[in-house]
Amino acid sequence: MHILVKLFAQYREGRFKAEQRDYPEEATAQAIINELNLESVSPLGVLMVNGRHVDVSYLLKEGDEIALFPKVGGG
C-alpha cells in the first residue's frame, strides 16, 4: 500500500522531507519508525496520521499520510 511519509526537524537530516513509500498491508506506524531507524536520532515526540494524533500501534491504511516529529527541548 502507498503511504506518504513526512519527516520533520532532525529526522530529515540525511533522509527526506516527504516521500511516497510502499508498505505491506497490516503495517503499523511503529514499523515505519523502525525501518527508518528514527529513534537512533532522537526519541519520537509527535506522531500524526492524516492530521490526527495516533499511537505507534496504529494500523496504516492505503493513502494514509504519516508525519513524524522528534522530541524537542528548549529553555
N, C-alpha and C. Protein backbone atom coordinates (compact mmCIF):
# COMPACT_ATOMS: atom_id res chain seq x y z
N MET A 1 0.85 -1.18 0.00
CA MET A 1 0.00 0.00 0.00
C MET A 1 0.89 1.24 0.00
N HIS A 2 0.38 2.33 -0.53
CA HIS A 2 1.13 3.58 -0.65
C HIS A 2 0.85 4.48 0.56
N ILE A 3 1.93 4.92 1.20
CA ILE A 3 1.85 5.79 2.37
C ILE A 3 2.76 6.99 2.11
N LEU A 4 2.27 8.20 2.40
CA LEU A 4 3.11 9.39 2.31
C LEU A 4 3.74 9.61 3.69
N VAL A 5 5.07 9.55 3.73
CA VAL A 5 5.81 9.71 4.98
C VAL A 5 6.44 11.09 4.99
N LYS A 6 6.15 11.87 6.04
CA LYS A 6 6.73 13.21 6.19
C LYS A 6 7.59 13.22 7.45
N LEU A 7 8.82 13.70 7.30
CA LEU A 7 9.74 13.79 8.42
C LEU A 7 9.99 15.26 8.76
N PHE A 8 10.22 15.52 10.04
CA PHE A 8 10.44 16.89 10.49
C PHE A 8 11.69 17.00 11.35
N ALA A 9 12.25 18.21 11.39
CA ALA A 9 13.42 18.56 12.22
C ALA A 9 14.58 17.60 11.97
N GLN A 10 15.20 17.08 13.05
CA GLN A 10 16.39 16.22 12.91
C GLN A 10 16.11 14.95 12.11
N TYR A 11 14.88 14.49 12.07
CA TYR A 11 14.56 13.28 11.32
C TYR A 11 14.84 13.43 9.83
N ARG A 12 14.85 14.66 9.34
CA ARG A 12 15.09 14.90 7.91
C ARG A 12 16.56 14.81 7.53
N GLU A 13 17.44 15.02 8.48
CA GLU A 13 18.88 15.10 8.18
C GLU A 13 19.37 13.80 7.56
N GLY A 14 19.84 13.90 6.32
CA GLY A 14 20.34 12.74 5.58
C GLY A 14 19.25 11.84 5.05
N ARG A 15 18.00 12.27 5.16
CA ARG A 15 16.88 11.46 4.68
C ARG A 15 16.09 12.25 3.64
N PHE A 16 14.85 12.54 3.93
CA PHE A 16 13.95 13.22 3.01
C PHE A 16 12.95 14.05 3.81
N LYS A 17 12.30 14.98 3.13
CA LYS A 17 11.26 15.80 3.75
C LYS A 17 9.91 15.08 3.67
N ALA A 18 9.56 14.62 2.49
CA ALA A 18 8.32 13.88 2.26
C ALA A 18 8.57 12.90 1.12
N GLU A 19 8.05 11.69 1.29
CA GLU A 19 8.28 10.67 0.28
C GLU A 19 7.13 9.68 0.28
N GLN A 20 6.68 9.32 -0.91
CA GLN A 20 5.66 8.28 -1.08
C GLN A 20 6.40 6.95 -0.99
N ARG A 21 5.95 6.07 -0.08
CA ARG A 21 6.63 4.79 0.13
C ARG A 21 5.62 3.66 0.12
N ASP A 22 6.08 2.47 -0.21
CA ASP A 22 5.22 1.28 -0.24
C ASP A 22 5.47 0.44 1.01
N TYR A 23 4.38 0.01 1.62
CA TYR A 23 4.44 -0.84 2.81
C TYR A 23 3.43 -1.97 2.65
N PRO A 24 3.70 -3.10 3.31
CA PRO A 24 2.76 -4.22 3.24
C PRO A 24 1.48 -3.91 4.02
N GLU A 25 0.40 -4.60 3.66
CA GLU A 25 -0.84 -4.49 4.44
C GLU A 25 -0.52 -4.84 5.89
N GLU A 26 -1.27 -4.27 6.81
CA GLU A 26 -1.09 -4.51 8.25
C GLU A 26 0.16 -3.85 8.83
N ALA A 27 0.81 -2.95 8.09
CA ALA A 27 1.96 -2.22 8.63
C ALA A 27 1.48 -1.23 9.68
N THR A 28 2.27 -1.07 10.72
CA THR A 28 1.95 -0.12 11.78
C THR A 28 2.85 1.11 11.65
N ALA A 29 2.47 2.15 12.37
CA ALA A 29 3.32 3.35 12.42
C ALA A 29 4.69 2.98 12.99
N GLN A 30 4.71 2.10 13.98
CA GLN A 30 5.99 1.68 14.59
C GLN A 30 6.90 1.02 13.56
N ALA A 31 6.33 0.29 12.62
CA ALA A 31 7.14 -0.36 11.58
C ALA A 31 7.89 0.68 10.75
N ILE A 32 7.26 1.80 10.47
CA ILE A 32 7.92 2.87 9.70
C ILE A 32 9.02 3.51 10.54
N ILE A 33 8.73 3.77 11.80
CA ILE A 33 9.73 4.34 12.71
C ILE A 33 10.95 3.43 12.79
N ASN A 34 10.70 2.13 12.91
CA ASN A 34 11.80 1.15 12.99
C ASN A 34 12.58 1.08 11.68
N GLU A 35 11.86 1.03 10.56
CA GLU A 35 12.53 0.91 9.26
C GLU A 35 13.47 2.09 9.02
N LEU A 36 13.04 3.28 9.40
CA LEU A 36 13.84 4.48 9.17
C LEU A 36 14.85 4.72 10.29
N ASN A 37 14.80 3.89 11.34
CA ASN A 37 15.72 3.99 12.47
C ASN A 37 15.72 5.39 13.08
N LEU A 38 14.54 5.97 13.19
CA LEU A 38 14.42 7.36 13.63
C LEU A 38 14.81 7.57 15.09
N GLU A 39 14.49 6.62 15.94
CA GLU A 39 14.75 6.84 17.36
C GLU A 39 16.23 6.73 17.71
N SER A 40 17.07 6.35 16.74
CA SER A 40 18.51 6.42 16.97
C SER A 40 18.98 7.87 16.89
N VAL A 41 18.18 8.71 16.23
CA VAL A 41 18.48 10.14 16.09
C VAL A 41 17.95 10.90 17.29
N SER A 42 16.69 10.65 17.63
CA SER A 42 16.01 11.35 18.73
C SER A 42 14.74 10.57 19.06
N PRO A 43 14.33 10.58 20.32
CA PRO A 43 13.07 9.91 20.66
C PRO A 43 11.90 10.54 19.91
N LEU A 44 10.89 9.74 19.63
CA LEU A 44 9.70 10.24 18.96
C LEU A 44 8.96 11.22 19.85
N GLY A 45 8.59 12.36 19.28
CA GLY A 45 7.86 13.37 20.03
C GLY A 45 6.38 13.37 19.68
N VAL A 46 6.08 13.49 18.39
CA VAL A 46 4.70 13.56 17.91
C VAL A 46 4.55 12.64 16.71
N LEU A 47 3.44 11.91 16.70
CA LEU A 47 3.10 11.03 15.60
C LEU A 47 1.68 11.36 15.16
N MET A 48 1.54 11.73 13.91
CA MET A 48 0.22 12.07 13.38
C MET A 48 -0.02 11.29 12.09
N VAL A 49 -1.27 10.84 11.91
CA VAL A 49 -1.69 10.23 10.67
C VAL A 49 -2.92 10.98 10.19
N ASN A 50 -2.84 11.50 8.98
CA ASN A 50 -3.92 12.29 8.39
C ASN A 50 -4.33 13.45 9.30
N GLY A 51 -3.33 14.08 9.94
CA GLY A 51 -3.58 15.26 10.76
C GLY A 51 -4.11 14.97 12.16
N ARG A 52 -4.14 13.71 12.56
CA ARG A 52 -4.65 13.34 13.89
C ARG A 52 -3.58 12.60 14.67
N HIS A 53 -3.48 12.89 15.95
CA HIS A 53 -2.53 12.17 16.81
C HIS A 53 -2.96 10.72 16.93
N VAL A 54 -1.99 9.82 16.78
CA VAL A 54 -2.27 8.39 16.91
C VAL A 54 -1.15 7.74 17.72
N ASP A 55 -1.39 6.50 18.12
CA ASP A 55 -0.41 5.70 18.84
C ASP A 55 0.47 4.96 17.83
N VAL A 56 1.65 4.53 18.26
CA VAL A 56 2.57 3.82 17.35
C VAL A 56 1.99 2.50 16.85
N SER A 57 0.99 1.97 17.54
CA SER A 57 0.37 0.70 17.12
C SER A 57 -0.68 0.90 16.02
N TYR A 58 -0.91 2.14 15.61
CA TYR A 58 -1.91 2.45 14.58
C TYR A 58 -1.64 1.62 13.32
N LEU A 59 -2.67 0.94 12.82
CA LEU A 59 -2.56 0.17 11.56
C LEU A 59 -2.79 1.12 10.39
N LEU A 60 -1.79 1.24 9.54
CA LEU A 60 -1.88 2.15 8.40
C LEU A 60 -2.81 1.59 7.34
N LYS A 61 -3.41 2.53 6.60
CA LYS A 61 -4.31 2.17 5.51
C LYS A 61 -3.83 2.83 4.22
N GLU A 62 -4.20 2.27 3.09
CA GLU A 62 -3.84 2.81 1.78
C GLU A 62 -4.11 4.32 1.74
N GLY A 63 -3.09 5.08 1.32
CA GLY A 63 -3.24 6.51 1.14
C GLY A 63 -3.04 7.35 2.38
N ASP A 64 -2.74 6.72 3.53
CA ASP A 64 -2.51 7.50 4.75
C ASP A 64 -1.29 8.40 4.58
N GLU A 65 -1.29 9.49 5.34
CA GLU A 65 -0.18 10.41 5.40
C GLU A 65 0.31 10.44 6.84
N ILE A 66 1.55 9.99 7.07
CA ILE A 66 2.09 9.91 8.41
C ILE A 66 3.14 11.02 8.58
N ALA A 67 3.07 11.74 9.69
CA ALA A 67 4.02 12.81 10.00
C ALA A 67 4.72 12.44 11.30
N LEU A 68 6.06 12.49 11.27
CA LEU A 68 6.88 12.08 12.40
C LEU A 68 7.75 13.24 12.86
N PHE A 69 7.61 13.59 14.13
CA PHE A 69 8.35 14.71 14.72
C PHE A 69 9.18 14.19 15.89
N PRO A 70 10.47 14.58 15.94
CA PRO A 70 11.27 14.18 17.09
C PRO A 70 10.90 15.00 18.32
N LYS A 71 11.26 14.46 19.48
CA LYS A 71 11.06 15.21 20.72
C LYS A 71 12.05 16.36 20.70
N VAL A 72 11.59 17.54 21.06
CA VAL A 72 12.46 18.70 21.06
C VAL A 72 12.51 19.28 22.47
N GLY A 73 13.62 19.88 22.77
CA GLY A 73 13.78 20.51 24.08
C GLY A 73 14.17 21.96 23.89
N GLY A 74 14.08 22.67 24.90
CA GLY A 74 14.46 24.08 24.83
C GLY A 74 14.35 24.69 26.20
N GLY A 75 14.67 25.94 26.23
CA GLY A 75 14.60 26.53 27.55
C GLY A 75 14.66 28.00 27.53
